[in-house]
Structure formats: structure tokens, C-alpha cells
Amino acid sequence: MMMWLDNLDWPMLIIAGLFLAIAPMQPEPHLVEKLRMLSEGTLVKPIDIFDLLMHSAPLLLMAVKAFRQFVLKV
């Protein structure tokens, strides 16, 4: 079921993760802004929740792929 994740290349995931984590740089990265909003309890608009999910998705995929590859050794 998770074979598609195993077949994803690391460089592609790393580039996507870094790009979406820091984009846009000014005034602050969206991921930082949305995590700050989440910690303050102001993350309530659906567009903000979607933005958090979109900007963190590649990082979550990298974490799952690393867990499967290095811990489970699939």
C-alpha cells in the first residue's frame, strides 16, 4: 500500500520539502506563520488550515519515508 512512497526519490522530496517550508520568505515563511497561528489558537480559517497542510505535506512524507526506510527497513 505504501509502495508509492518507497518509490519516491529522496532528492525530489527534499527539494519540495525545503521549497514549501521556506516559501515565501517575506515577511515570514508560511509554515512558520501557520505553526505560530496554531500555537496561539488563531488557526481557524479553512484556507489557513489548508495552507498549513500544503506547506507541511512534503516534510511529513519525508518523515514517513525515513521511518519506513531506516527503522522498518522495508
Protein backbone atom coordinates (compact mmCIF):
# COMPACT_ATOMS: atom_id res chain seq x y z
CA MET A 1 0.00 0.00 0.00
CA MET A 2 2.89 2.39 0.71
CA MET A 3 4.98 1.30 -2.27
CA TRP A 4 4.38 4.65 -3.99
CA LEU A 5 6.15 6.37 -1.10
CA ASP A 6 9.05 3.94 -1.24
CA ASN A 7 9.42 4.71 -4.96
CA LEU A 8 9.65 8.49 -4.47
CA ASP A 9 13.17 9.83 -4.87
CA TRP A 10 14.82 11.46 -1.84
CA PRO A 11 16.13 14.48 -3.81
CA MET A 12 12.64 15.30 -5.07
CA LEU A 13 11.18 15.11 -1.55
CA ILE A 14 13.99 17.16 -0.04
CA ILE A 15 13.69 19.91 -2.66
CA ALA A 16 9.89 20.03 -2.33
CA GLY A 17 10.13 19.99 1.46
CA LEU A 18 12.67 22.80 1.63
CA PHE A 19 10.92 24.89 -1.00
CA LEU A 20 7.48 24.68 0.62
CA ALA A 21 8.85 25.05 4.15
CA ILE A 22 10.50 28.40 3.41
CA ALA A 23 8.20 29.80 0.69
CA PRO A 24 7.56 32.72 0.65
CA MET A 25 10.47 34.27 2.50
CA GLN A 26 8.94 37.71 3.11
CA PRO A 27 7.56 38.71 5.57
CA GLU A 28 7.95 35.20 7.10
CA PRO A 29 7.64 31.65 5.74
CA HIS A 30 4.06 30.37 5.62
CA LEU A 31 4.92 27.25 7.59
CA VAL A 32 6.36 29.31 10.44
CA GLU A 33 3.38 31.67 10.33
CA LYS A 34 0.82 28.84 10.36
CA LEU A 35 2.59 26.97 13.17
CA ARG A 36 2.65 30.21 15.18
CA MET A 37 -1.07 30.66 14.50
CA LEU A 38 -1.70 27.07 15.58
CA SER A 39 0.17 27.57 18.85
CA GLU A 40 -1.73 30.81 19.52
CA GLY A 41 -5.09 29.23 18.72
CA THR A 42 -5.83 31.58 15.81
CA LEU A 43 -5.64 28.95 13.06
CA VAL A 44 -9.38 28.78 12.36
CA LYS A 45 -9.93 29.75 8.71
CA PRO A 46 -10.16 26.79 6.30
CA ILE A 47 -7.68 28.44 3.91
CA ASP A 48 -5.12 28.72 6.72
CA ILE A 49 -5.60 25.07 7.69
CA PHE A 50 -5.19 24.04 4.04
CA ASP A 51 -2.08 26.22 3.81
CA LEU A 52 -0.56 24.51 6.85
CA LEU A 53 -1.29 21.07 5.38
CA MET A 54 0.09 22.02 1.97
CA HIS A 55 3.32 23.52 3.29
CA SER A 56 3.97 20.64 5.72
CA ALA A 57 2.98 17.73 3.44
CA PRO A 58 6.44 17.11 1.90
CA LEU A 59 8.04 17.22 5.37
CA LEU A 60 5.53 14.67 6.64
CA LEU A 61 6.17 12.46 3.62
CA MET A 62 9.92 12.67 4.28
CA ALA A 63 9.38 11.65 7.91
CA VAL A 64 7.22 8.64 6.95
CA LYS A 65 9.64 7.59 4.20
CA ALA A 66 12.62 7.86 6.58
CA PHE A 67 10.79 5.83 9.23
CA ARG A 68 9.92 3.12 6.71
CA GLN A 69 13.40 3.05 5.19
CA PHE A 70 15.60 3.33 8.28
CA VAL A 71 13.51 1.95 11.15
CA LEU A 72 11.33 -0.66 9.49
CA LYS A 73 13.91 -1.35 6.73
CA VAL A 74 11.21 -2.05 4.16
